[in-house]
C-alpha atoms as a PDB file:
ATOM      1  CA  MET A   1       1.271  17.483  -2.236  1.00  0.00           C
ATOM      2  CA  ALA A   2      -0.995  18.113  -5.132  1.00  0.00           C
ATOM      3  CA  SER A   3      -4.476  17.867  -5.088  1.00  0.00           C
ATOM      4  CA  SER A   4      -6.122  14.915  -7.229  1.00  0.00           C
ATOM      5  CA  GLY A   5      -8.130  17.593  -8.782  1.00  0.00           C
ATOM      6  CA  ASN A   6     -11.512  15.984  -7.863  1.00  0.00           C
ATOM      7  CA  ARG A   7     -13.754  18.598  -6.059  1.00  0.00           C
ATOM      8  CA  GLY A   8     -15.080  16.898  -2.587  1.00  0.00           C
ATOM      9  CA  ASP A   9     -12.311  13.912  -3.034  1.00  0.00           C
ATOM     10  CA  ASN A  10      -9.752  14.136  -0.026  1.00  0.00           C
ATOM     11  CA  SER A  11      -7.096  12.127  -1.914  1.00  0.00           C
ATOM     12  CA  HIS A  12      -3.665  13.614  -2.720  1.00  0.00           C
ATOM     13  CA  VAL A  13      -1.601  12.768  -5.216  1.00  0.00           C
ATOM     14  CA  THR A  14       2.508  12.811  -3.907  1.00  0.00           C
ATOM     15  CA  ARG A  15       5.040  14.384  -6.639  1.00  0.00           C
ATOM     16  CA  TRP A  16       8.044  12.641  -5.411  1.00  0.00           C
ATOM     17  CA  GLY A  17      10.257  14.189  -8.078  1.00  0.00           C
ATOM     18  CA  SER A  18       9.153  17.523  -7.445  1.00  0.00           C
ATOM     19  CA  GLU A  19       9.098  17.925  -3.740  1.00  0.00           C
ATOM     20  CA  PRO A  20      12.125  18.783  -2.611  1.00  0.00           C
ATOM     21  CA  PHE A  21      11.630  18.567   0.980  1.00  0.00           C
ATOM     22  CA  THR A  22       9.887  15.687   1.386  1.00  0.00           C
ATOM     23  CA  ARG A  23      11.265  13.018  -1.498  1.00  0.00           C
ATOM     24  CA  GLY A  24       8.571  10.483  -0.350  1.00  0.00           C
ATOM     25  CA  ALA A  25       5.483   9.792   1.432  1.00  0.00           C
ATOM     26  CA  PHE A  26       3.989   7.353   4.024  1.00  0.00           C
ATOM     27  CA  SER A  27       0.660   5.708   5.096  1.00  0.00           C
ATOM     28  CA  TYR A  28      -1.457   5.993   8.215  1.00  0.00           C
ATOM     29  CA  ALA A  29      -4.788   4.454   9.149  1.00  0.00           C
ATOM     30  CA  ALA A  30      -7.198   6.591  10.734  1.00  0.00           C
ATOM     31  CA  PRO A  31      -8.396   5.764  14.141  1.00  0.00           C
ATOM     32  CA  GLN A  32     -10.666   2.394  13.752  1.00  0.00           C
ATOM     33  CA  THR A  33      -9.783   1.596  10.370  1.00  0.00           C
ATOM     34  CA  GLY A  34      -6.469  -0.329  10.683  1.00  0.00           C
ATOM     35  CA  ALA A  35      -8.271  -3.660   9.569  1.00  0.00           C
ATOM     36  CA  ALA A  36      -8.669  -1.978   6.057  1.00  0.00           C
ATOM     37  CA  ARG A  37      -5.067  -2.749   5.684  1.00  0.00           C
ATOM     38  CA  LYS A  38      -5.920  -6.421   5.339  1.00  0.00           C
ATOM     39  CA  THR A  39      -8.770  -5.426   2.810  1.00  0.00           C
ATOM     40  CA  LEU A  40      -5.966  -3.528   0.692  1.00  0.00           C
ATOM     41  CA  SER A  41      -3.887  -6.655   0.837  1.00  0.00           C
ATOM     42  CA  ALA A  42      -6.632  -9.316  -0.691  1.00  0.00           C
ATOM     43  CA  PRO A  43      -5.682 -10.576  -4.158  1.00  0.00           C
ATOM     44  CA  LEU A  44      -7.787  -9.412  -7.068  1.00  0.00           C
ATOM     45  CA  GLY A  45      -9.310 -12.247  -8.884  1.00  0.00           C
ATOM     46  CA  GLU A  46      -6.442 -14.508  -7.594  1.00  0.00           C
ATOM     47  CA  ARG A  47      -4.293 -13.183 -10.227  1.00  0.00           C
ATOM     48  CA  LEU A  48      -3.624  -9.716  -8.706  1.00  0.00           C
ATOM     49  CA  TRP A  49      -1.484  -9.602  -5.559  1.00  0.00           C
ATOM     50  CA  PHE A  50      -0.788  -6.263  -3.632  1.00  0.00           C
ATOM     51  CA  ALA A  51       2.163  -5.471  -1.068  1.00  0.00           C
ATOM     52  CA  GLY A  52       3.999  -2.498   0.189  1.00  0.00           C
ATOM     53  CA  GLU A  53       4.135  -0.954   3.646  1.00  0.00           C
ATOM     54  CA  ALA A  54       0.713   0.552   3.207  1.00  0.00           C
ATOM     55  CA  VAL A  55      -0.990  -3.227   3.316  1.00  0.00           C
ATOM     56  CA  HIS A  56       1.153  -4.553   6.378  1.00  0.00           C
ATOM     57  CA  GLU A  57      -1.155  -4.947   9.126  1.00  0.00           C
ATOM     58  CA  THR A  58       1.617  -4.361  12.016  1.00  0.00           C
ATOM     59  CA  MET A  59       4.552  -2.585  10.301  1.00  0.00           C
ATOM     60  CA  TRP A  60       2.924  -0.011   7.809  1.00  0.00           C
ATOM     61  CA  GLY A  61       5.227   2.949   7.210  1.00  0.00           C
ATOM     62  CA  THR A  62       8.160   1.083   7.476  1.00  0.00           C
ATOM     63  CA  VAL A  63      10.778  -0.710   4.769  1.00  0.00           C
ATOM     64  CA  ALA A  64      10.289  -3.859   6.869  1.00  0.00           C
ATOM     65  CA  GLY A  65       6.368  -4.087   6.408  1.00  0.00           C
ATOM     66  CA  ALA A  66       6.909  -3.385   2.636  1.00  0.00           C
ATOM     67  CA  TRP A  67       9.501  -6.017   2.305  1.00  0.00           C
ATOM     68  CA  GLU A  68       7.369  -8.897   4.462  1.00  0.00           C
ATOM     69  CA  SER A  69       4.116  -7.765   2.199  1.00  0.00           C
ATOM     70  CA  GLY A  70       6.225  -8.298  -0.795  1.00  0.00           C
ATOM     71  CA  GLU A  71       7.379 -11.585  -0.040  1.00  0.00           C
ATOM     72  CA  ARG A  72       3.883 -12.750   0.982  1.00  0.00           C
ATOM     73  CA  ALA A  73       2.440 -11.634  -2.228  1.00  0.00           C
ATOM     74  CA  ALA A  74       5.006 -13.230  -4.147  1.00  0.00           C
ATOM     75  CA  GLU A  75       4.636 -16.696  -2.478  1.00  0.00           C
ATOM     76  CA  ALA A  76       0.868 -16.409  -3.085  1.00  0.00           C
ATOM     77  CA  ALA A  77       1.341 -15.598  -6.329  1.00  0.00           C
ATOM     78  CA  ILE A  78       3.932 -18.459  -6.933  1.00  0.00           C
ATOM     79  CA  GLY A  79       1.617 -20.998  -5.138  1.00  0.00           C
ATOM     80  CA  LYS A  80      -1.065 -19.914  -7.613  1.00  0.00           C
ATOM     81  CA  LYS A  81       0.997 -20.701 -10.694  1.00  0.00           C
ATOM     82  CA  SER A  82       2.628 -23.881  -9.606  1.00  0.00           C
ATOM     83  CA  GLY A  83      -0.858 -25.198  -8.017  1.00  0.00           C
END
């Protein structure tokens, strides 16, 4: 992983194409922060919805979590468009 470049910032940026041993990344919630996933999945201004394994409350880190959160975000967006 490469550092984000900001001193004092504990985030990292993955370089999927240049990390020959990893070829991916995963998410995890630190102890006592699992509820943040619900906050991360909240729509932004009822115009932008977020999805992916990182925002699923119970199936984080899985393809199933990514799929389900994607379906929920799509259904929410379609509901806003047609409603």
